[in-house]
Every structure is written in C-alpha cells, then in structure tokens.
N, C-alpha and C. Protein backbone atom coordinates (compact mmCIF):
# COMPACT_ATOMS: atom_id res chain seq x y z
N MET A 1 -47.19 49.83 47.63
CA MET A 1 -47.98 50.85 46.95
C MET A 1 -49.45 50.72 47.37
N GLN A 2 -50.08 51.86 47.71
CA GLN A 2 -51.47 51.85 48.13
C GLN A 2 -52.40 51.78 46.92
N SER A 3 -53.51 51.07 47.09
CA SER A 3 -54.52 51.07 46.03
C SER A 3 -55.30 52.37 46.09
N THR A 4 -56.07 52.66 45.06
CA THR A 4 -56.86 53.89 45.05
C THR A 4 -57.88 53.91 46.18
N PHE A 5 -58.35 52.73 46.60
CA PHE A 5 -59.35 52.68 47.65
C PHE A 5 -58.74 52.94 49.02
N GLU A 6 -57.43 52.76 49.16
CA GLU A 6 -56.79 52.93 50.46
C GLU A 6 -56.14 54.29 50.64
N LYS A 7 -55.97 55.05 49.55
CA LYS A 7 -55.26 56.32 49.67
C LYS A 7 -56.04 57.30 50.54
N LYS A 8 -55.31 58.13 51.23
CA LYS A 8 -55.91 59.14 52.09
C LYS A 8 -56.45 60.27 51.22
N PRO A 9 -57.68 60.76 51.50
CA PRO A 9 -58.21 61.82 50.66
C PRO A 9 -57.44 63.13 50.86
N LEU A 10 -57.36 63.93 49.82
CA LEU A 10 -56.74 65.25 49.90
C LEU A 10 -57.69 66.18 50.62
N PRO A 11 -57.20 67.31 51.16
CA PRO A 11 -58.11 68.27 51.80
C PRO A 11 -59.23 68.67 50.84
N GLY A 12 -60.45 68.64 51.32
CA GLY A 12 -61.61 68.99 50.49
C GLY A 12 -62.18 67.81 49.73
N GLU A 13 -61.42 66.71 49.61
CA GLU A 13 -61.94 65.52 48.94
C GLU A 13 -62.87 64.76 49.89
N ILE A 14 -63.74 63.99 49.32
CA ILE A 14 -64.62 63.13 50.12
C ILE A 14 -64.15 61.71 49.91
N HIS A 15 -63.85 61.05 51.00
CA HIS A 15 -63.46 59.64 50.91
C HIS A 15 -64.70 58.83 51.27
N THR A 16 -65.47 58.46 50.28
CA THR A 16 -66.70 57.71 50.50
C THR A 16 -66.46 56.26 50.15
N PRO A 17 -66.55 55.40 51.12
CA PRO A 17 -66.30 53.98 50.85
C PRO A 17 -67.47 53.31 50.14
N VAL A 18 -67.71 53.73 48.90
CA VAL A 18 -68.72 53.07 48.09
C VAL A 18 -68.16 51.71 47.71
N ARG A 19 -68.90 50.67 48.04
CA ARG A 19 -68.39 49.32 47.80
C ARG A 19 -68.86 48.73 46.48
N HIS A 20 -70.10 48.99 46.13
CA HIS A 20 -70.65 48.43 44.90
C HIS A 20 -72.01 49.07 44.64
N ILE A 21 -72.57 48.79 43.50
CA ILE A 21 -73.95 49.24 43.24
C ILE A 21 -74.88 48.34 44.02
N ASP A 22 -75.71 48.95 44.85
CA ASP A 22 -76.67 48.19 45.65
C ASP A 22 -77.86 47.75 44.78
N HIS A 23 -78.39 48.70 44.02
CA HIS A 23 -79.50 48.37 43.12
C HIS A 23 -79.68 49.49 42.09
N ALA A 24 -80.40 49.17 41.03
CA ALA A 24 -80.82 50.15 40.03
C ALA A 24 -82.33 50.00 39.89
N THR A 25 -83.04 51.12 39.93
CA THR A 25 -84.50 51.07 39.89
C THR A 25 -85.04 51.75 38.64
N TYR A 26 -85.97 51.07 38.00
CA TYR A 26 -86.62 51.55 36.79
C TYR A 26 -88.05 51.97 37.10
N VAL A 27 -88.61 52.81 36.24
CA VAL A 27 -90.03 53.16 36.32
C VAL A 27 -90.66 52.86 34.97
N THR A 28 -91.93 52.48 35.03
CA THR A 28 -92.67 52.22 33.79
C THR A 28 -94.16 52.38 34.08
N ALA A 29 -94.96 52.30 33.04
CA ALA A 29 -96.41 52.37 33.20
C ALA A 29 -96.90 51.13 33.95
N LEU A 30 -97.97 51.30 34.70
CA LEU A 30 -98.53 50.23 35.53
C LEU A 30 -98.78 48.94 34.74
N GLU A 31 -99.31 49.08 33.55
CA GLU A 31 -99.66 47.88 32.76
C GLU A 31 -98.44 47.12 32.24
N LYS A 32 -97.25 47.67 32.42
CA LYS A 32 -96.02 47.02 31.95
C LYS A 32 -95.30 46.23 33.05
N GLU A 33 -95.91 46.16 34.24
CA GLU A 33 -95.28 45.46 35.37
C GLU A 33 -94.93 44.01 35.02
N LYS A 34 -95.89 43.26 34.49
CA LYS A 34 -95.65 41.84 34.18
C LYS A 34 -94.54 41.68 33.15
N ASP A 35 -94.55 42.51 32.12
CA ASP A 35 -93.50 42.43 31.09
C ASP A 35 -92.12 42.65 31.70
N PHE A 36 -92.01 43.64 32.58
CA PHE A 36 -90.74 43.95 33.23
C PHE A 36 -90.26 42.76 34.06
N ILE A 37 -91.15 42.24 34.90
CA ILE A 37 -90.78 41.12 35.78
C ILE A 37 -90.44 39.88 34.96
N ASP A 38 -91.21 39.61 33.91
CA ASP A 38 -90.94 38.45 33.06
C ASP A 38 -89.57 38.56 32.38
N THR A 39 -89.23 39.75 31.92
CA THR A 39 -87.94 39.96 31.27
C THR A 39 -86.80 39.68 32.24
N TRP A 40 -86.90 40.20 33.46
CA TRP A 40 -85.82 39.98 34.44
C TRP A 40 -85.81 38.54 34.94
N ALA A 41 -86.99 37.88 34.96
CA ALA A 41 -87.04 36.46 35.35
C ALA A 41 -86.23 35.61 34.38
N LYS A 42 -86.25 35.96 33.11
CA LYS A 42 -85.46 35.24 32.11
C LYS A 42 -83.97 35.35 32.39
N LEU A 43 -83.57 36.40 33.12
CA LEU A 43 -82.17 36.62 33.48
C LEU A 43 -81.85 36.04 34.86
N GLY A 44 -82.82 35.33 35.46
CA GLY A 44 -82.58 34.66 36.74
C GLY A 44 -82.99 35.45 37.96
N PHE A 45 -83.75 36.54 37.79
CA PHE A 45 -84.15 37.37 38.93
C PHE A 45 -85.50 36.91 39.47
N VAL A 46 -85.64 36.96 40.80
CA VAL A 46 -86.90 36.63 41.48
C VAL A 46 -87.29 37.78 42.40
N GLU A 47 -88.58 37.85 42.71
CA GLU A 47 -89.05 38.93 43.58
C GLU A 47 -88.56 38.70 45.01
N HIS A 48 -87.98 39.75 45.59
CA HIS A 48 -87.41 39.70 46.93
C HIS A 48 -88.23 40.54 47.92
N TRP A 49 -88.78 41.65 47.44
CA TRP A 49 -89.50 42.58 48.31
C TRP A 49 -90.49 43.36 47.48
N ARG A 50 -91.66 43.65 48.08
CA ARG A 50 -92.68 44.46 47.42
C ARG A 50 -93.32 45.34 48.49
N GLY A 51 -93.41 46.62 48.21
CA GLY A 51 -94.03 47.54 49.16
C GLY A 51 -94.96 48.51 48.46
N ASP A 52 -96.09 48.76 49.10
CA ASP A 52 -97.07 49.72 48.58
C ASP A 52 -97.06 50.96 49.46
N CYS A 53 -96.81 52.10 48.86
CA CYS A 53 -96.77 53.36 49.61
C CYS A 53 -98.13 54.02 49.58
N VAL A 54 -98.40 54.82 50.63
CA VAL A 54 -99.72 55.42 50.79
C VAL A 54 -99.72 56.90 50.42
N ARG A 55 -98.80 57.69 51.01
CA ARG A 55 -98.80 59.13 50.74
C ARG A 55 -98.56 59.43 49.26
N TYR A 56 -97.65 58.70 48.66
CA TYR A 56 -97.36 58.82 47.23
C TYR A 56 -97.62 57.46 46.61
N PRO A 57 -98.91 57.18 46.29
CA PRO A 57 -99.31 55.84 45.90
C PRO A 57 -98.45 55.26 44.77
N ALA A 58 -97.79 54.18 45.10
CA ALA A 58 -96.96 53.47 44.14
C ALA A 58 -96.59 52.12 44.74
N THR A 59 -96.27 51.18 43.86
CA THR A 59 -95.76 49.89 44.27
C THR A 59 -94.29 49.84 43.88
N HIS A 60 -93.47 49.43 44.84
CA HIS A 60 -92.02 49.35 44.62
C HIS A 60 -91.62 47.88 44.80
N ILE A 61 -90.93 47.35 43.80
CA ILE A 61 -90.62 45.92 43.75
C ILE A 61 -89.11 45.74 43.59
N ALA A 62 -88.53 44.89 44.43
CA ALA A 62 -87.11 44.56 44.32
C ALA A 62 -86.98 43.14 43.79
N LEU A 63 -86.19 42.98 42.73
CA LEU A 63 -85.92 41.67 42.14
C LEU A 63 -84.44 41.38 42.34
N VAL A 64 -84.13 40.15 42.74
CA VAL A 64 -82.74 39.81 43.05
C VAL A 64 -82.29 38.55 42.32
N SER A 65 -80.98 38.42 42.21
CA SER A 65 -80.39 37.25 41.58
C SER A 65 -79.09 36.92 42.29
N GLY A 66 -78.79 35.63 42.40
CA GLY A 66 -77.52 35.19 42.98
C GLY A 66 -77.47 35.33 44.48
N VAL A 67 -76.36 34.94 45.05
CA VAL A 67 -76.13 35.06 46.48
C VAL A 67 -74.75 35.64 46.71
N SER A 68 -74.55 36.22 47.87
CA SER A 68 -73.23 36.75 48.23
C SER A 68 -72.96 36.38 49.68
N ASP A 69 -71.73 36.59 50.11
CA ASP A 69 -71.38 36.31 51.50
C ASP A 69 -72.12 37.23 52.46
N GLU A 70 -72.45 38.43 51.98
CA GLU A 70 -73.01 39.45 52.86
C GLU A 70 -74.52 39.54 52.84
N TYR A 71 -75.12 39.37 51.66
CA TYR A 71 -76.57 39.53 51.52
C TYR A 71 -77.19 38.24 50.98
N PRO A 72 -78.51 38.14 51.08
CA PRO A 72 -79.15 36.97 50.48
C PRO A 72 -79.29 37.11 48.96
N TRP A 73 -78.62 38.09 48.38
CA TRP A 73 -78.65 38.32 46.94
C TRP A 73 -77.32 38.93 46.51
N ALA A 74 -76.99 38.74 45.24
CA ALA A 74 -75.75 39.32 44.70
C ALA A 74 -76.04 40.55 43.85
N THR A 75 -77.17 40.54 43.15
CA THR A 75 -77.54 41.64 42.26
C THR A 75 -79.00 41.97 42.47
N MET A 76 -79.32 43.27 42.49
CA MET A 76 -80.71 43.69 42.68
C MET A 76 -81.07 44.74 41.64
N THR A 77 -82.28 44.61 41.12
CA THR A 77 -82.86 45.66 40.30
C THR A 77 -84.25 45.93 40.85
N GLY A 78 -84.78 47.09 40.55
CA GLY A 78 -86.08 47.45 41.10
C GLY A 78 -87.01 48.00 40.04
N LEU A 79 -88.28 48.01 40.39
CA LEU A 79 -89.31 48.59 39.53
C LEU A 79 -90.27 49.37 40.41
N SER A 80 -90.60 50.58 39.96
CA SER A 80 -91.63 51.39 40.62
C SER A 80 -92.72 51.68 39.60
N ILE A 81 -93.97 51.43 40.03
CA ILE A 81 -95.15 51.66 39.19
C ILE A 81 -96.22 52.31 40.04
N SER A 82 -97.17 53.00 39.41
CA SER A 82 -98.22 53.65 40.18
C SER A 82 -99.52 53.68 39.41
N ASP A 83 -100.65 53.53 40.14
CA ASP A 83 -101.96 53.65 39.51
C ASP A 83 -102.49 55.08 39.63
N ASP A 84 -101.70 55.98 40.24
CA ASP A 84 -102.07 57.39 40.38
C ASP A 84 -101.46 58.18 39.22
N PRO A 85 -102.30 58.70 38.30
CA PRO A 85 -101.76 59.41 37.13
C PRO A 85 -100.86 60.60 37.51
N GLY A 86 -101.09 61.19 38.68
CA GLY A 86 -100.31 62.36 39.09
C GLY A 86 -99.10 62.04 39.94
N SER A 87 -98.79 60.76 40.11
CA SER A 87 -97.67 60.39 40.98
C SER A 87 -96.34 60.78 40.35
N PRO A 88 -95.30 61.01 41.19
CA PRO A 88 -93.97 61.30 40.64
C PRO A 88 -93.45 60.19 39.72
N VAL A 89 -93.81 58.94 40.00
CA VAL A 89 -93.41 57.84 39.13
C VAL A 89 -93.97 58.06 37.73
N ASN A 90 -95.26 58.34 37.64
CA ASN A 90 -95.88 58.54 36.33
C ASN A 90 -95.48 59.85 35.69
N GLU A 91 -95.11 60.83 36.50
CA GLU A 91 -94.61 62.10 35.94
C GLU A 91 -93.28 61.86 35.23
N PHE A 92 -92.41 61.03 35.81
CA PHE A 92 -91.16 60.66 35.15
C PHE A 92 -91.47 59.99 33.81
N VAL A 93 -92.37 59.00 33.83
CA VAL A 93 -92.71 58.25 32.61
C VAL A 93 -93.32 59.18 31.57
N ARG A 94 -94.19 60.10 32.00
CA ARG A 94 -94.84 61.03 31.06
C ARG A 94 -93.82 61.93 30.38
N ARG A 95 -92.86 62.44 31.16
CA ARG A 95 -91.89 63.39 30.62
C ARG A 95 -90.77 62.72 29.82
N TYR A 96 -90.30 61.56 30.29
CA TYR A 96 -89.08 60.98 29.72
C TYR A 96 -89.24 59.56 29.20
N GLY A 97 -90.41 58.98 29.40
CA GLY A 97 -90.62 57.60 29.00
C GLY A 97 -90.17 56.64 30.08
N PRO A 98 -90.46 55.35 29.93
CA PRO A 98 -90.03 54.37 30.92
C PRO A 98 -88.51 54.26 30.89
N GLY A 99 -87.92 53.97 32.03
CA GLY A 99 -86.47 53.81 32.05
C GLY A 99 -85.88 53.84 33.43
N LEU A 100 -84.57 53.99 33.47
CA LEU A 100 -83.81 53.98 34.73
C LEU A 100 -84.07 55.27 35.50
N GLN A 101 -84.61 55.13 36.70
CA GLN A 101 -84.89 56.30 37.54
C GLN A 101 -83.73 56.64 38.45
N HIS A 102 -83.16 55.62 39.12
CA HIS A 102 -82.02 55.92 39.98
C HIS A 102 -81.12 54.72 40.17
N VAL A 103 -79.87 55.03 40.52
CA VAL A 103 -78.89 54.01 40.88
C VAL A 103 -78.51 54.26 42.33
N ALA A 104 -78.43 53.19 43.12
CA ALA A 104 -78.07 53.30 44.54
C ALA A 104 -76.71 52.66 44.76
N TYR A 105 -75.83 53.42 45.40
CA TYR A 105 -74.48 52.95 45.71
C TYR A 105 -74.41 52.55 47.18
N ASN A 106 -73.86 51.38 47.44
CA ASN A 106 -73.78 50.84 48.79
C ASN A 106 -72.58 51.41 49.54
N ILE A 107 -72.86 51.94 50.72
CA ILE A 107 -71.82 52.48 51.62
C ILE A 107 -71.52 51.41 52.67
N GLY A 108 -70.27 51.16 52.94
CA GLY A 108 -69.86 50.14 53.88
C GLY A 108 -70.36 50.38 55.29
N PRO A 109 -70.53 49.30 56.06
CA PRO A 109 -71.09 49.41 57.41
C PRO A 109 -70.18 50.13 58.41
N ASN A 110 -68.91 50.28 58.10
CA ASN A 110 -68.01 50.97 59.03
C ASN A 110 -67.95 52.47 58.81
N SER A 111 -68.69 52.96 57.84
CA SER A 111 -68.71 54.40 57.56
C SER A 111 -69.83 55.07 58.34
N ASP A 112 -69.62 56.32 58.69
CA ASP A 112 -70.63 57.13 59.36
C ASP A 112 -71.39 57.90 58.29
N MET A 113 -72.63 57.48 58.00
CA MET A 113 -73.41 58.10 56.93
C MET A 113 -73.64 59.58 57.19
N ASP A 114 -73.85 59.96 58.45
CA ASP A 114 -74.07 61.38 58.74
C ASP A 114 -72.83 62.20 58.40
N ASP A 115 -71.66 61.65 58.68
CA ASP A 115 -70.40 62.32 58.36
C ASP A 115 -70.22 62.42 56.85
N VAL A 116 -70.51 61.34 56.13
CA VAL A 116 -70.41 61.35 54.66
C VAL A 116 -71.35 62.42 54.09
N TYR A 117 -72.56 62.47 54.62
CA TYR A 117 -73.56 63.45 54.16
C TYR A 117 -73.04 64.87 54.36
N GLU A 118 -72.53 65.16 55.55
CA GLU A 118 -72.04 66.52 55.84
C GLU A 118 -70.86 66.89 54.95
N LYS A 119 -69.95 65.95 54.74
CA LYS A 119 -68.78 66.24 53.89
C LYS A 119 -69.21 66.47 52.44
N MET A 120 -70.18 65.70 51.98
CA MET A 120 -70.65 65.89 50.61
C MET A 120 -71.35 67.24 50.47
N LYS A 121 -72.14 67.62 51.47
CA LYS A 121 -72.79 68.94 51.43
C LYS A 121 -71.75 70.06 51.42
N GLU A 122 -70.70 69.91 52.21
CA GLU A 122 -69.63 70.92 52.23
C GLU A 122 -68.98 71.05 50.86
N ASN A 123 -69.02 69.98 50.06
CA ASN A 123 -68.44 70.00 48.73
C ASN A 123 -69.49 70.23 47.63
N ASN A 124 -70.59 70.86 48.06
CA ASN A 124 -71.63 71.35 47.14
C ASN A 124 -72.48 70.28 46.46
N TRP A 125 -72.58 69.10 47.06
CA TRP A 125 -73.56 68.12 46.57
C TRP A 125 -74.94 68.62 46.98
N ASP A 126 -75.90 68.48 46.10
CA ASP A 126 -77.25 68.96 46.34
C ASP A 126 -78.16 67.78 46.69
N PHE A 127 -78.59 67.71 47.93
CA PHE A 127 -79.42 66.59 48.39
C PHE A 127 -80.90 66.95 48.40
N MET A 128 -81.73 65.93 48.12
CA MET A 128 -83.17 66.09 48.28
C MET A 128 -83.58 65.78 49.71
N THR A 129 -82.86 64.87 50.37
CA THR A 129 -83.26 64.41 51.70
C THR A 129 -82.07 64.47 52.65
N PRO A 130 -82.36 64.51 53.95
CA PRO A 130 -81.29 64.22 54.91
C PRO A 130 -81.04 62.71 54.88
N VAL A 131 -80.25 62.21 55.81
CA VAL A 131 -80.07 60.76 55.93
C VAL A 131 -81.36 60.20 56.53
N LEU A 132 -82.04 59.35 55.79
CA LEU A 132 -83.27 58.70 56.26
C LEU A 132 -82.89 57.38 56.90
N THR A 133 -83.47 57.09 58.07
CA THR A 133 -83.11 55.87 58.79
C THR A 133 -84.35 55.07 59.14
N TYR A 134 -84.26 53.76 58.94
CA TYR A 134 -85.32 52.85 59.33
C TYR A 134 -84.71 51.75 60.18
N HIS A 135 -85.37 51.42 61.31
CA HIS A 135 -84.93 50.33 62.19
C HIS A 135 -85.97 49.22 62.10
N ASP A 136 -85.52 47.98 61.85
CA ASP A 136 -86.47 46.87 61.83
C ASP A 136 -86.57 46.24 63.22
N GLY A 137 -87.44 45.24 63.36
CA GLY A 137 -87.67 44.59 64.64
C GLY A 137 -86.47 43.82 65.16
N ASN A 138 -85.50 43.58 64.32
CA ASN A 138 -84.30 42.84 64.69
C ASN A 138 -83.12 43.77 64.97
N GLU A 139 -83.42 45.09 65.02
CA GLU A 139 -82.42 46.13 65.22
C GLU A 139 -81.50 46.33 64.02
N GLY A 140 -81.87 45.77 62.88
CA GLY A 140 -81.16 46.08 61.65
C GLY A 140 -81.55 47.49 61.23
N ARG A 141 -80.66 48.15 60.51
CA ARG A 141 -80.95 49.52 60.09
C ARG A 141 -80.71 49.70 58.60
N LEU A 142 -81.57 50.52 58.02
CA LEU A 142 -81.46 50.93 56.63
C LEU A 142 -81.25 52.44 56.66
N ARG A 143 -80.16 52.91 56.05
CA ARG A 143 -79.87 54.35 55.99
C ARG A 143 -79.73 54.74 54.52
N GLN A 144 -80.40 55.83 54.15
CA GLN A 144 -80.42 56.25 52.75
C GLN A 144 -80.33 57.77 52.66
N MET A 145 -79.67 58.25 51.60
CA MET A 145 -79.68 59.68 51.29
C MET A 145 -79.72 59.81 49.78
N PHE A 146 -80.38 60.87 49.32
CA PHE A 146 -80.70 60.98 47.90
C PHE A 146 -80.22 62.31 47.33
N ILE A 147 -79.44 62.22 46.26
CA ILE A 147 -78.95 63.39 45.55
C ILE A 147 -80.08 63.92 44.66
N ALA A 148 -80.19 65.22 44.56
CA ALA A 148 -81.27 65.84 43.80
C ALA A 148 -81.09 65.64 42.30
N PRO A 149 -82.22 65.55 41.57
CA PRO A 149 -82.14 65.48 40.11
C PRO A 149 -81.73 66.85 39.55
N THR A 150 -81.22 66.85 38.34
CA THR A 150 -80.86 68.12 37.70
C THR A 150 -81.97 68.64 36.80
N ILE A 151 -82.96 67.78 36.51
CA ILE A 151 -84.13 68.18 35.74
C ILE A 151 -85.37 67.73 36.51
N PRO A 152 -86.49 68.45 36.37
CA PRO A 152 -87.70 68.10 37.14
C PRO A 152 -88.15 66.66 36.89
N PHE A 153 -88.35 65.93 37.98
CA PHE A 153 -88.81 64.54 37.95
C PHE A 153 -87.85 63.65 37.15
N GLY A 154 -86.58 64.05 37.11
CA GLY A 154 -85.59 63.30 36.35
C GLY A 154 -84.86 62.28 37.21
N PRO A 155 -83.86 61.63 36.63
CA PRO A 155 -83.07 60.62 37.34
C PRO A 155 -82.33 61.24 38.52
N PHE A 156 -82.06 60.42 39.53
CA PHE A 156 -81.31 60.88 40.70
C PHE A 156 -80.42 59.75 41.18
N THR A 157 -79.63 60.04 42.21
CA THR A 157 -78.68 59.07 42.76
C THR A 157 -78.97 58.85 44.23
N GLU A 158 -78.78 57.62 44.66
CA GLU A 158 -78.99 57.24 46.07
C GLU A 158 -77.70 56.67 46.63
N PHE A 159 -77.46 56.92 47.92
CA PHE A 159 -76.43 56.22 48.68
C PHE A 159 -77.16 55.48 49.78
N ILE A 160 -76.84 54.21 49.95
CA ILE A 160 -77.59 53.36 50.89
C ILE A 160 -76.62 52.57 51.76
N GLN A 161 -77.02 52.40 53.01
CA GLN A 161 -76.21 51.61 53.96
C GLN A 161 -77.14 50.61 54.64
N ARG A 162 -76.73 49.36 54.65
CA ARG A 162 -77.52 48.28 55.25
C ARG A 162 -76.75 47.75 56.45
N LEU A 163 -77.24 48.04 57.65
CA LEU A 163 -76.54 47.67 58.87
C LEU A 163 -77.17 46.45 59.52
N PRO A 164 -76.34 45.60 60.13
CA PRO A 164 -76.85 44.34 60.68
C PRO A 164 -77.70 44.51 61.93
N GLY A 165 -78.58 43.53 62.11
CA GLY A 165 -79.39 43.46 63.32
C GLY A 165 -78.75 42.52 64.32
N LYS A 166 -79.54 42.09 65.31
CA LYS A 166 -79.03 41.21 66.37
C LYS A 166 -78.52 39.87 65.84
N ASP A 167 -79.06 39.45 64.69
CA ASP A 167 -78.64 38.17 64.12
C ASP A 167 -77.37 38.31 63.27
N GLY A 168 -76.85 39.54 63.16
CA GLY A 168 -75.62 39.77 62.39
C GLY A 168 -75.85 39.93 60.90
N LYS A 169 -77.10 39.82 60.45
CA LYS A 169 -77.39 39.93 59.02
C LYS A 169 -77.80 41.37 58.68
N PRO A 170 -77.23 41.93 57.61
CA PRO A 170 -77.59 43.29 57.20
C PRO A 170 -79.06 43.38 56.78
N TYR A 171 -79.65 44.54 56.98
CA TYR A 171 -81.02 44.78 56.54
C TYR A 171 -81.06 44.63 55.02
N SER A 172 -81.96 43.81 54.50
CA SER A 172 -81.91 43.50 53.06
C SER A 172 -83.10 44.02 52.27
N GLY A 173 -84.05 44.67 52.91
CA GLY A 173 -85.23 45.16 52.19
C GLY A 173 -85.26 46.67 52.08
N PHE A 174 -86.47 47.22 52.16
CA PHE A 174 -86.69 48.66 52.09
C PHE A 174 -87.79 49.02 53.07
N ASP A 175 -88.09 50.30 53.20
CA ASP A 175 -89.12 50.76 54.11
C ASP A 175 -90.03 51.75 53.39
N GLN A 176 -91.34 51.53 53.47
CA GLN A 176 -92.29 52.38 52.77
C GLN A 176 -92.26 53.82 53.28
N MET A 177 -92.03 54.03 54.59
CA MET A 177 -91.97 55.39 55.14
C MET A 177 -90.81 56.17 54.51
N ASN A 178 -89.63 55.54 54.43
CA ASN A 178 -88.49 56.19 53.78
C ASN A 178 -88.81 56.52 52.32
N ILE A 179 -89.48 55.59 51.63
CA ILE A 179 -89.80 55.81 50.22
C ILE A 179 -90.77 56.98 50.08
N ASP A 180 -91.81 57.03 50.93
CA ASP A 180 -92.74 58.16 50.89
C ASP A 180 -92.03 59.47 51.20
N ASP A 181 -91.12 59.46 52.18
CA ASP A 181 -90.36 60.67 52.49
C ASP A 181 -89.53 61.11 51.29
N LEU A 182 -88.90 60.15 50.61
CA LEU A 182 -88.15 60.46 49.40
C LEU A 182 -89.06 61.09 48.36
N TYR A 183 -90.20 60.47 48.09
CA TYR A 183 -91.06 60.97 47.03
C TYR A 183 -91.65 62.34 47.35
N GLU A 184 -91.86 62.64 48.60
CA GLU A 184 -92.31 63.98 48.98
C GLU A 184 -91.25 65.01 48.59
N GLU A 185 -90.00 64.72 48.93
CA GLU A 185 -88.91 65.64 48.60
C GLU A 185 -88.65 65.68 47.10
N TYR A 186 -88.76 64.55 46.43
CA TYR A 186 -88.56 64.47 44.97
C TYR A 186 -89.58 65.35 44.25
N GLU A 187 -90.83 65.25 44.66
CA GLU A 187 -91.88 66.07 44.05
C GLU A 187 -91.65 67.55 44.33
N ASN A 188 -91.37 67.90 45.60
CA ASN A 188 -91.14 69.30 45.95
C ASN A 188 -89.94 69.87 45.21
N TYR A 189 -88.86 69.11 45.17
CA TYR A 189 -87.65 69.59 44.50
C TYR A 189 -87.91 69.76 43.00
N SER A 190 -88.61 68.80 42.41
CA SER A 190 -88.91 68.87 40.97
C SER A 190 -89.79 70.06 40.65
N LYS A 191 -90.77 70.33 41.50
CA LYS A 191 -91.64 71.49 41.27
C LYS A 191 -90.84 72.79 41.39
N SER A 192 -89.87 72.82 42.29
CA SER A 192 -89.05 74.03 42.41
C SER A 192 -88.19 74.21 41.15
N LEU A 193 -87.71 73.10 40.56
CA LEU A 193 -86.96 73.20 39.31
C LEU A 193 -87.87 73.67 38.17
N ASP A 194 -89.11 73.16 38.14
CA ASP A 194 -90.07 73.59 37.13
C ASP A 194 -90.34 75.09 37.23
N SER A 195 -90.43 75.60 38.47
CA SER A 195 -90.77 77.02 38.66
C SER A 195 -89.64 77.95 38.23
N LYS A 196 -88.43 77.41 38.08
CA LYS A 196 -87.27 78.24 37.66
C LYS A 196 -87.14 78.34 36.16
N LYS A 197 -87.97 77.59 35.43
CA LYS A 197 -87.88 77.61 33.95
C LYS A 197 -88.36 78.93 33.39
C-alpha cells in the first residue's frame, strides 16, 4: 500500500513535496526585539542569521534550535522589525498587532521549483513573486516563492528550497536582496487590495 506522500497526483492536482516547516516568522515593534529574542532563548533558540535590508528598511533575524542531519538546525523561527514607521513590517503591526507574519514550507532538493510554481499558478494560486533565487559564493542556492495575502499587509505563505553548494551542505541562511524583492511585491500587492475596498 502506498503512503499519501508516494501516491501519484490526480489530473489537476499539484504534487508538491513539502517536507516540513522551514521557519515561521513573526513581526513586532522595534522596541520589542530583546523581549522576543529572550523569550525564544528560554526555549533553547540562538541567533543564526541577521540581515538589514535597505530598500525596505528592516532587520530580519533567524533564531534556531537543535541540529538535524541536513541542516545546522532542526527548528527555526524568525523576527522582522523596522525603525521605519511606514515599512510593511510596521504596517502589519499597526493594522493587526504583533504576531505571526508568515510560515515557510520546505520543498525538497529534488523538486523543480519553477515547475511547482507553474503548476500552482495553473491551479489558481495567487503569487506575489516569481521564484526568487540567490546563489552564494559556495554555489549553494536559496529559492523562494511567496503566496499573496488575502488582506492588505496581512499574513502570507512562503515555499522555500535550500540547495547544496560545492561542499554538499544546503544553503542555510537568507538573502537581503530576495527579502527586499519580497517586500516590494508585498507592499504593491497590499496597496492593490486596499484600493479595491
């Protein structure tokens, strides 16, 4: 008997090899950064990556816990904060309060992200971005695509793929250019939703 993960998709179905949740990212006010990090530190999380974006000023922080066979971490959570009152991060906080902004699902390295993207679009998934790709100096690749929110500046969903570099290790961080590209589309898409009210 085949498991649900091995069954062949029906015509029109999307067989997306989502393996696990890659990370969940929260947003909060800038002055709450220390409280957030301290709370997660009590649960065993440590800072793994921090990036400051320029076009859409914000700091994005990845906190990790545990180890796995595949990554240098088993569980990841994130925090996005901004000192720009007009940033999309602060617009989320202003409208809905601090909280979970997005969940990212990990796509296996043997899947073709471009093919997954096209099949999802054919099945009426609404994307904010195309597949965004970042290559690091070790030839590792980060591939991401983002589903549009249903409310302006609201929560959204990410699909992420971390491909190995020359050392065989999957890309484990993030890229500020991809994040800025996301936030440009997030703001534009949210403003278009606002204009339809």
